[in-house]
Amino acid sequence: MSLRAPKGTDDLLPPESRRWRTLLRSWDVLTELYGYELVATPVFESTELFARGVGETTEVVEKQMYNFLDKAGRRLTLRPEITAGVVRAYIQAGRWGEFKGAYSGPAFRYERPQEGRRRQFWQLGVEYMGAPDAEADLEVIEIGYRFLLECGLGDVVVHINSIGDPSDRAAYHRLLADWLEERMDLLSADARRRVRSNPLRVLDSKADREATAEAPGPIDHLGESAAAHHEQLIEGLTERGIAYEPDPRLVRGLDYYNRTVFEYIPPSYGAAQNAVGGGGRYDGLARILGGPDVPGVGLSLGLDRILTAAGTGPPARAMDAFLVVADQERRSMAHAFARRLRLAGIRCDLVTGRRSVKAQFKAANRRDAAVAVVIGREWDEGLVTVKDLSSGDERCMPAGEVAGWLVGNGGGVR
């Protein structure tokens, strides 16, 4: 019996992997433009990190984490999200001031696989620590919005809400819990258990959406400071031309959020889990994890969902040029020429060993190259033949001009 990938996981191979690589490069470039530097944290952490940070009564911690004991008996967890790990790293490194970090990598949740929900999924994200102002929220939201537009999701809308500060929520939680208790017979078993311990999680329950449709929302019970913060945020979204929609039911599924919460939703994406990312402010998370009382705001995007929502357009060419050696006595020259092209930023390759010209052209097509560059007798005159593998058009040109021609004419060059 042949082995298969575990349920809820996917292999990534060409040509689909080219789309991933393109978007990962774009993410690195975009976040660097905003001053976010690379952060990489372990894919497994102490189970306590997520129990304390994400929240013991959240569905993520109660039902979806991959927990295990290592050989020394330590309780560890495959990360179900990345923010808590980044904040832990920030504290461990002794960072106390402003910090901007960007990351990408896999996360893991045990849940029923379906479109938009995989047991291993790929997250992109940024975290902005040490900035309490709504301007930081706006910057983070703008980064995600701009990236999604670059990915081809031109119809994406930011759903936005505020869940207030902990001091605001104390009174709101009592109000919500009282409202929910009057409707206990309509709630799921999980919701009934959380009515007093964590009523906000009941609003986040998909199973209880109909029963809680008329529940009081947190946006109507904000304190003065949180209300002013939210008003400034809304004004900024309008000024920056970011399409948004108030969503008074939006609370997100993690306990560390306060004030701003948001999700990116492309209306054309029809999956049951139709958000391609989201985030919010988490001013108390560093303190909960044993660090200083430092504000923070961040976002995470699901690369898998983004690619699904963007559709299956043709991936970029795998290679800009494939060298075809028509005269085998010039193989060493061909390898030298390949090195020159690669130094110029041209993606190129050639087959190993001595193969016929026909076999080399077949290899060029299998590798999905934009052009074939034929190295034959004309090499002695400093010339090569360049053949467009889509149209069949050919031209002879000086070898020294090939790199510039490919760049100037598209030629599959990124």
Protein backbone atom coordinates (compact mmCIF):
# COMPACT_ATOMS: atom_id res chain seq x y z
CA MET A 1 0.00 0.00 0.00
CA SER A 2 1.39 3.39 -0.98
CA LEU A 3 1.79 6.08 1.64
CA ARG A 4 -0.27 9.25 1.46
CA ALA A 5 -0.11 12.68 3.08
CA PRO A 6 -2.01 12.89 6.41
CA LYS A 7 -5.67 13.85 6.25
CA GLY A 8 -6.15 17.61 6.06
CA THR A 9 -2.67 18.27 4.67
CA ASP A 10 -1.58 18.94 1.10
CA ASP A 11 1.56 18.50 -0.95
CA LEU A 12 2.79 21.53 -2.87
CA LEU A 13 4.37 20.86 -6.24
CA PRO A 14 4.91 22.77 -9.51
CA PRO A 15 3.18 24.46 -11.20
CA GLU A 16 1.05 25.50 -8.18
CA SER A 17 4.18 26.07 -6.10
CA ARG A 18 5.20 28.87 -8.47
CA ARG A 19 2.16 30.89 -7.42
CA TRP A 20 3.09 30.35 -3.76
CA ARG A 21 6.67 31.45 -4.37
CA THR A 22 5.51 34.58 -6.21
CA LEU A 23 3.18 35.63 -3.39
CA LEU A 24 5.74 34.87 -0.67
CA ARG A 25 8.24 37.09 -2.47
CA SER A 26 5.62 39.83 -2.79
CA TRP A 27 4.84 39.56 0.93
CA ASP A 28 8.50 39.96 1.87
CA VAL A 29 8.89 43.00 -0.39
CA LEU A 30 5.69 44.68 0.81
CA THR A 31 6.31 44.24 4.54
CA GLU A 32 9.88 45.43 4.16
CA LEU A 33 8.57 48.63 2.54
CA TYR A 34 6.64 49.31 5.77
CA GLY A 35 9.64 48.60 8.00
CA TYR A 36 8.74 45.08 9.18
CA GLU A 37 11.71 42.76 9.63
CA LEU A 38 11.70 38.98 9.39
CA VAL A 39 10.70 36.97 12.46
CA ALA A 40 10.88 33.17 12.63
CA THR A 41 9.69 31.21 15.66
CA PRO A 42 9.48 27.44 16.36
CA VAL A 43 6.61 25.45 14.89
CA PHE A 44 6.09 23.92 18.34
CA GLU A 45 5.92 25.77 21.65
CA SER A 46 5.01 25.12 25.26
CA THR A 47 1.33 24.19 25.52
CA GLU A 48 1.03 26.78 28.28
CA LEU A 49 1.87 29.56 25.83
CA PHE A 50 -1.36 28.99 23.91
CA ALA A 51 -3.47 28.12 26.95
CA ARG A 52 -2.53 31.47 28.54
CA GLY A 53 -2.31 33.55 25.38
CA VAL A 54 -5.08 32.27 23.13
CA GLY A 55 -7.40 31.40 26.03
CA GLU A 56 -8.21 28.12 27.79
CA THR A 57 -11.93 28.29 26.95
CA THR A 58 -11.48 29.04 23.24
CA GLU A 59 -12.33 26.36 20.72
CA VAL A 60 -8.75 26.49 19.44
CA VAL A 61 -7.31 25.44 22.81
CA GLU A 62 -10.11 23.11 23.86
CA LYS A 63 -10.50 21.15 20.63
CA GLN A 64 -8.08 22.04 17.85
CA MET A 65 -4.51 21.88 19.15
CA TYR A 66 -2.01 19.14 18.39
CA ASN A 67 -0.56 18.48 21.86
CA PHE A 68 2.16 15.98 22.70
CA LEU A 69 4.76 15.08 25.33
CA ASP A 70 8.41 15.08 24.31
CA LYS A 71 10.87 12.47 25.60
CA ALA A 72 11.49 14.54 28.72
CA GLY A 73 7.77 14.74 29.49
CA ARG A 74 7.36 18.40 28.51
CA ARG A 75 3.90 19.40 27.24
CA LEU A 76 4.33 20.87 23.75
CA THR A 77 1.95 21.98 21.01
CA LEU A 78 2.22 22.46 17.25
CA ARG A 79 1.43 26.13 16.92
CA PRO A 80 -2.24 26.77 16.02
CA GLU A 81 -1.39 30.42 15.31
CA ILE A 82 1.80 32.47 15.27
CA THR A 83 1.11 35.74 17.15
CA ALA A 84 1.58 34.25 20.62
CA GLY A 85 4.97 32.82 19.60
CA VAL A 86 6.14 36.16 18.19
CA VAL A 87 5.15 37.98 21.39
CA ARG A 88 6.90 35.28 23.45
CA ALA A 89 10.06 35.79 21.36
CA TYR A 90 9.76 39.58 21.80
CA ILE A 91 9.65 39.16 25.59
CA GLN A 92 12.42 36.56 25.68
CA ALA A 93 14.72 38.82 23.65
CA GLY A 94 14.21 41.65 26.15
CA ARG A 95 12.50 43.99 23.70
CA TRP A 96 10.58 46.69 25.53
CA GLY A 97 9.90 49.34 22.87
CA GLU A 98 8.49 49.56 19.36
CA PHE A 99 9.01 46.49 17.25
CA LYS A 100 7.77 45.52 13.78
CA GLY A 101 7.98 41.89 12.74
CA ALA A 102 6.78 39.98 9.66
CA TYR A 103 6.56 36.22 9.29
CA SER A 104 5.32 33.38 7.13
CA GLY A 105 5.05 29.70 7.92
CA PRO A 106 2.83 26.71 8.69
CA ALA A 107 0.33 26.45 11.54
CA PHE A 108 -1.72 23.45 12.65
CA ARG A 109 -5.27 22.86 13.87
CA TYR A 110 -7.15 19.59 14.26
CA GLU A 111 -10.50 20.24 12.64
CA ARG A 112 -12.71 18.74 9.95
CA PRO A 113 -10.98 19.34 6.60
CA GLN A 114 -12.93 21.33 4.02
CA GLU A 115 -12.30 24.19 1.63
CA GLY A 116 -10.70 26.97 3.62
CA ARG A 117 -9.94 24.68 6.59
CA ARG A 118 -6.88 22.46 6.53
CA ARG A 119 -5.07 20.79 9.40
CA GLN A 120 -1.81 22.29 8.20
CA PHE A 121 -2.15 25.76 6.69
CA TRP A 122 0.21 28.58 5.80
CA GLN A 123 0.04 31.92 7.57
CA LEU A 124 1.49 35.29 6.62
CA GLY A 125 1.44 38.00 9.25
CA VAL A 126 2.81 41.13 10.84
CA GLU A 127 2.99 42.22 14.47
CA TYR A 128 3.43 45.84 15.55
CA MET A 129 4.45 46.04 19.22
CA GLY A 130 4.71 49.17 21.35
CA ALA A 131 2.30 51.41 19.43
CA PRO A 132 -1.04 52.13 21.17
CA ASP A 133 -2.49 54.54 18.61
CA ALA A 134 -5.13 53.84 15.97
CA GLU A 135 -2.51 54.79 13.36
CA ALA A 136 -0.80 51.47 14.06
CA ASP A 137 -4.07 49.59 13.53
CA LEU A 138 -4.53 51.44 10.24
CA GLU A 139 -1.04 50.57 9.03
CA VAL A 140 -1.50 46.89 9.80
CA ILE A 141 -4.91 46.77 8.11
CA GLU A 142 -3.53 48.64 5.09
CA ILE A 143 -0.68 46.15 4.64
CA GLY A 144 -3.07 43.21 4.46
CA TYR A 145 -5.50 45.08 2.22
CA ARG A 146 -2.78 46.18 -0.18
CA PHE A 147 -1.35 42.66 -0.35
CA LEU A 148 -4.75 41.15 -1.15
CA LEU A 149 -5.27 43.67 -3.95
CA GLU A 150 -1.87 42.67 -5.36
CA CYS A 151 -3.02 39.03 -5.19
CA GLY A 152 -5.96 39.86 -7.46
CA LEU A 153 -8.68 40.10 -4.79
CA GLY A 154 -10.00 43.45 -5.96
CA ASP A 155 -13.38 42.96 -4.28
CA VAL A 156 -12.02 42.39 -0.78
CA VAL A 157 -13.80 44.22 2.07
CA VAL A 158 -12.46 44.77 5.59
CA HIS A 159 -15.08 43.79 8.17
CA ILE A 160 -14.35 45.89 11.25
CA ASN A 161 -15.51 46.04 14.87
CA SER A 162 -14.32 47.03 18.34
CA ILE A 163 -14.73 44.81 21.37
CA GLY A 164 -13.49 47.53 23.74
CA ASP A 165 -11.09 47.39 26.65
CA PRO A 166 -11.21 44.80 29.45
CA SER A 167 -12.77 47.41 31.73
CA ASP A 168 -15.51 48.02 29.14
CA ARG A 169 -16.10 44.33 28.65
CA ALA A 170 -16.73 43.50 32.31
CA ALA A 171 -20.10 45.24 32.26
CA TYR A 172 -20.83 44.11 28.72
CA HIS A 173 -20.05 40.48 29.56
CA ARG A 174 -22.58 40.56 32.40
CA LEU A 175 -25.18 42.06 30.07
CA LEU A 176 -24.47 39.49 27.36
CA ALA A 177 -24.41 36.57 29.80
CA ASP A 178 -27.81 37.61 31.21
CA TRP A 179 -29.20 37.85 27.65
CA LEU A 180 -27.82 34.42 26.76
CA GLU A 181 -29.11 32.77 29.94
CA GLU A 182 -32.65 33.69 28.91
CA ARG A 183 -32.11 31.63 25.73
CA MET A 184 -30.15 28.68 27.12
CA ASP A 185 -32.45 26.13 25.50
CA LEU A 186 -31.51 27.53 22.05
CA LEU A 187 -27.76 27.27 22.56
CA SER A 188 -25.36 24.45 21.83
CA ALA A 189 -23.80 22.48 24.69
CA ASP A 190 -20.46 24.28 24.24
CA ALA A 191 -22.19 27.67 24.27
CA ARG A 192 -24.17 26.89 27.45
CA ARG A 193 -20.91 25.96 29.17
CA ARG A 194 -19.32 29.29 28.19
CA VAL A 195 -22.21 31.63 28.98
CA ARG A 196 -20.67 32.78 32.27
CA SER A 197 -17.00 31.91 31.81
CA ASN A 198 -16.53 33.47 28.36
CA PRO A 199 -19.76 34.75 26.77
CA LEU A 200 -17.90 36.51 23.94
CA ARG A 201 -16.97 33.08 22.57
CA VAL A 202 -20.68 32.29 22.19
CA LEU A 203 -20.96 35.14 19.68
CA ASP A 204 -18.08 33.56 17.76
CA SER A 205 -19.78 30.15 17.62
CA LYS A 206 -20.94 29.23 14.13
CA ALA A 207 -23.33 26.67 15.61
CA ASP A 208 -25.11 29.39 17.61
CA ARG A 209 -25.24 32.13 14.98
CA GLU A 210 -29.00 31.98 14.54
CA ALA A 211 -29.69 31.86 18.28
CA THR A 212 -27.49 34.90 18.95
CA ALA A 213 -28.52 36.97 15.91
CA GLU A 214 -30.16 39.64 18.08
CA ALA A 215 -27.61 39.62 20.90
CA PRO A 216 -26.28 42.99 22.13
CA GLY A 217 -22.97 43.81 20.44
CA PRO A 218 -19.78 45.10 22.09
CA ILE A 219 -19.59 48.16 19.81
CA ASP A 220 -22.57 49.68 21.64
CA HIS A 221 -20.87 49.34 25.04
CA LEU A 222 -17.46 50.94 24.54
CA GLY A 223 -15.79 53.20 27.05
CA GLU A 224 -14.80 56.72 26.06
CA SER A 225 -11.19 55.89 25.17
CA ALA A 226 -12.04 52.78 23.11
CA ALA A 227 -14.82 54.65 21.30
CA ALA A 228 -12.44 57.49 20.35
CA HIS A 229 -9.87 54.94 19.15
CA HIS A 230 -12.47 53.24 16.95
CA GLU A 231 -13.73 56.55 15.53
CA GLN A 232 -10.19 57.52 14.54
CA LEU A 233 -9.73 54.12 12.92
CA ILE A 234 -12.90 54.45 10.83
CA GLU A 235 -11.89 57.94 9.70
CA GLY A 236 -8.49 56.62 8.66
CA LEU A 237 -9.94 53.75 6.65
CA THR A 238 -12.07 56.24 4.73
CA GLU A 239 -9.14 58.58 4.12
CA ARG A 240 -6.98 55.73 2.80
CA GLY A 241 -9.65 54.44 0.44
CA ILE A 242 -9.88 51.05 2.15
CA ALA A 243 -13.22 49.34 1.53
CA TYR A 244 -14.72 48.43 4.90
CA GLU A 245 -17.99 47.31 6.44
CA PRO A 246 -18.96 47.63 10.13
CA ASP A 247 -19.60 44.18 11.57
CA PRO A 248 -21.02 44.48 15.11
CA ARG A 249 -20.98 40.68 15.60
CA LEU A 250 -17.30 40.24 14.77
CA VAL A 251 -15.29 39.22 17.85
CA ARG A 252 -12.63 36.82 16.44
CA GLY A 253 -11.91 33.47 18.04
CA LEU A 254 -8.95 34.26 20.31
CA ASP A 255 -9.13 35.73 23.80
CA TYR A 256 -6.16 38.07 23.57
CA TYR A 257 -7.93 40.70 21.43
CA ASN A 258 -9.12 44.07 22.69
CA ARG A 259 -10.47 47.10 20.88
CA THR A 260 -9.98 46.64 17.12
CA VAL A 261 -10.85 43.34 15.45
CA PHE A 262 -11.10 42.90 11.69
CA GLU A 263 -11.33 40.34 8.90
CA TYR A 264 -10.69 40.48 5.16
CA ILE A 265 -13.62 39.02 3.20
CA PRO A 266 -13.83 38.79 -0.59
CA PRO A 267 -17.58 38.59 -1.39
CA SER A 268 -16.80 36.41 -4.42
CA TYR A 269 -15.16 33.73 -2.24
CA GLY A 270 -17.90 31.22 -1.51
CA ALA A 271 -16.21 28.91 1.02
CA ALA A 272 -17.89 28.29 4.38
CA GLN A 273 -14.86 29.97 5.97
CA ASN A 274 -14.90 33.02 3.72
CA ALA A 275 -12.41 35.23 5.55
CA VAL A 276 -8.93 35.09 3.99
CA GLY A 277 -7.36 36.68 7.06
CA GLY A 278 -7.86 39.01 9.95
CA GLY A 279 -6.42 40.34 13.14
CA GLY A 280 -6.74 43.00 15.77
CA ARG A 281 -5.28 44.72 18.77
CA TYR A 282 -3.93 42.69 21.72
CA ASP A 283 -2.66 45.21 24.26
CA GLY A 284 -2.66 42.79 27.19
CA LEU A 285 -1.00 39.77 25.57
CA ALA A 286 2.61 40.56 26.51
CA ARG A 287 1.63 41.00 30.16
CA ILE A 288 -0.39 37.74 30.14
CA LEU A 289 2.72 35.95 28.88
CA GLY A 290 4.86 37.32 31.69
CA GLY A 291 6.33 40.34 29.94
CA PRO A 292 5.90 44.11 30.15
CA ASP A 293 2.57 45.83 29.61
CA VAL A 294 3.24 46.62 25.93
CA PRO A 295 0.46 47.30 23.41
CA GLY A 296 0.34 45.37 20.16
CA VAL A 297 -1.64 44.94 16.97
CA GLY A 298 -1.26 42.45 14.16
CA LEU A 299 -2.78 40.48 11.34
CA SER A 300 -2.55 37.02 9.85
CA LEU A 301 -3.51 35.92 6.34
CA GLY A 302 -4.13 32.40 5.08
CA LEU A 303 -2.05 31.89 1.96
CA ASP A 304 -3.98 28.73 1.06
CA ARG A 305 -7.29 30.60 1.17
CA ILE A 306 -5.92 33.59 -0.72
CA LEU A 307 -4.82 31.41 -3.62
CA THR A 308 -8.17 29.63 -3.70
CA ALA A 309 -10.10 32.91 -3.58
CA ALA A 310 -7.91 34.48 -6.29
CA GLY A 311 -8.68 31.65 -8.71
CA THR A 312 -6.46 29.41 -10.76
CA GLY A 313 -4.93 31.80 -13.25
CA PRO A 314 -1.91 30.59 -15.22
CA PRO A 315 1.20 30.44 -13.05
CA ALA A 316 4.32 32.29 -14.09
CA ARG A 317 6.78 30.51 -16.35
CA ALA A 318 9.14 28.27 -14.43
CA MET A 319 12.21 29.34 -16.42
CA ASP A 320 13.08 32.43 -18.42
CA ALA A 321 15.42 30.55 -20.74
CA PHE A 322 16.52 26.99 -21.44
CA LEU A 323 19.84 26.45 -23.17
CA VAL A 324 19.86 23.97 -26.04
CA VAL A 325 23.36 22.81 -26.98
CA ALA A 326 23.31 22.06 -30.71
CA ASP A 327 27.05 21.47 -30.85
CA GLN A 328 28.17 19.21 -27.99
CA GLU A 329 31.73 20.49 -28.27
CA ARG A 330 30.42 23.74 -26.81
CA ARG A 331 28.88 22.25 -23.63
CA SER A 332 31.45 23.91 -21.35
CA MET A 333 30.72 27.24 -23.08
CA ALA A 334 27.00 26.67 -22.53
CA HIS A 335 27.55 26.14 -18.81
CA ALA A 336 29.62 29.31 -18.64
CA PHE A 337 26.87 31.19 -20.49
CA ALA A 338 24.28 29.84 -18.04
CA ARG A 339 26.33 31.18 -15.14
CA ARG A 340 26.45 34.62 -16.83
CA LEU A 341 22.68 34.67 -17.30
CA ARG A 342 22.03 33.62 -13.71
CA LEU A 343 24.31 36.36 -12.42
CA ALA A 344 22.17 38.77 -14.45
CA GLY A 345 19.05 37.48 -12.67
CA ILE A 346 17.80 35.26 -15.49
CA ARG A 347 16.29 31.91 -14.50
CA CYS A 348 17.86 29.43 -16.85
CA ASP A 349 18.85 25.78 -17.05
CA LEU A 350 20.11 23.06 -19.42
CA VAL A 351 20.11 19.29 -19.46
CA THR A 352 22.98 17.18 -18.22
CA GLY A 353 24.81 14.77 -20.50
CA ARG A 354 24.76 14.55 -24.25
CA ARG A 355 21.23 14.57 -25.65
CA SER A 356 19.82 15.27 -29.08
CA VAL A 357 18.56 18.74 -29.94
CA LYS A 358 15.01 17.32 -30.16
CA ALA A 359 15.28 15.84 -26.66
CA GLN A 360 16.61 19.15 -25.31
CA PHE A 361 13.65 21.08 -26.79
CA LYS A 362 11.30 18.58 -25.17
CA ALA A 363 13.07 19.19 -21.88
CA ALA A 364 12.69 22.96 -22.37
CA ASN A 365 8.94 22.55 -22.80
CA ARG A 366 8.66 20.22 -19.80
CA ARG A 367 10.47 22.81 -17.69
CA ASP A 368 7.99 25.44 -18.94
CA ALA A 369 10.68 27.82 -20.19
CA ALA A 370 9.70 31.02 -22.00
CA VAL A 371 12.45 30.74 -24.63
CA ALA A 372 15.07 28.31 -25.80
CA VAL A 373 18.54 29.70 -26.46
CA VAL A 374 20.33 27.54 -29.03
CA ILE A 375 24.11 27.41 -28.78
CA GLY A 376 25.60 26.12 -32.02
CA ARG A 377 28.25 26.95 -34.56
CA GLU A 378 27.25 30.61 -34.65
CA TRP A 379 28.66 30.85 -31.12
CA ASP A 380 32.10 31.40 -32.70
CA GLU A 381 30.73 34.68 -34.08
CA GLY A 382 29.29 35.61 -30.66
CA LEU A 383 25.73 34.79 -31.73
CA VAL A 384 22.91 32.54 -30.45
CA THR A 385 19.43 31.69 -31.74
CA VAL A 386 16.54 32.54 -29.41
CA LYS A 387 13.25 30.72 -29.97
CA ASP A 388 9.98 31.73 -28.29
CA LEU A 389 8.50 28.43 -27.11
CA SER A 390 4.93 29.75 -27.23
CA SER A 391 4.85 31.35 -30.69
CA GLY A 392 7.73 29.52 -32.36
CA ASP A 393 9.29 32.82 -33.47
CA GLU A 394 13.08 32.80 -33.77
CA ARG A 395 15.75 35.45 -33.89
CA CYS A 396 19.52 35.50 -33.98
CA MET A 397 21.24 37.92 -31.63
CA PRO A 398 24.57 38.57 -29.92
CA ALA A 399 24.96 36.34 -26.84
CA GLY A 400 25.84 39.38 -24.74
CA GLU A 401 22.43 40.94 -25.45
CA VAL A 402 20.26 37.97 -24.41
CA ALA A 403 19.89 38.94 -20.75
CA GLY A 404 18.93 42.54 -21.56
CA TRP A 405 16.53 41.39 -24.28
CA LEU A 406 14.75 38.98 -21.91
CA VAL A 407 14.36 41.68 -19.29
CA GLY A 408 13.25 44.32 -21.77
CA ASN A 409 10.74 42.10 -23.56
CA GLY A 410 9.16 40.38 -20.56
CA GLY A 411 10.48 37.00 -21.61
CA GLY A 412 9.12 35.39 -18.44
CA VAL A 413 11.52 37.36 -16.25
CA ARG A 414 9.97 38.18 -12.87
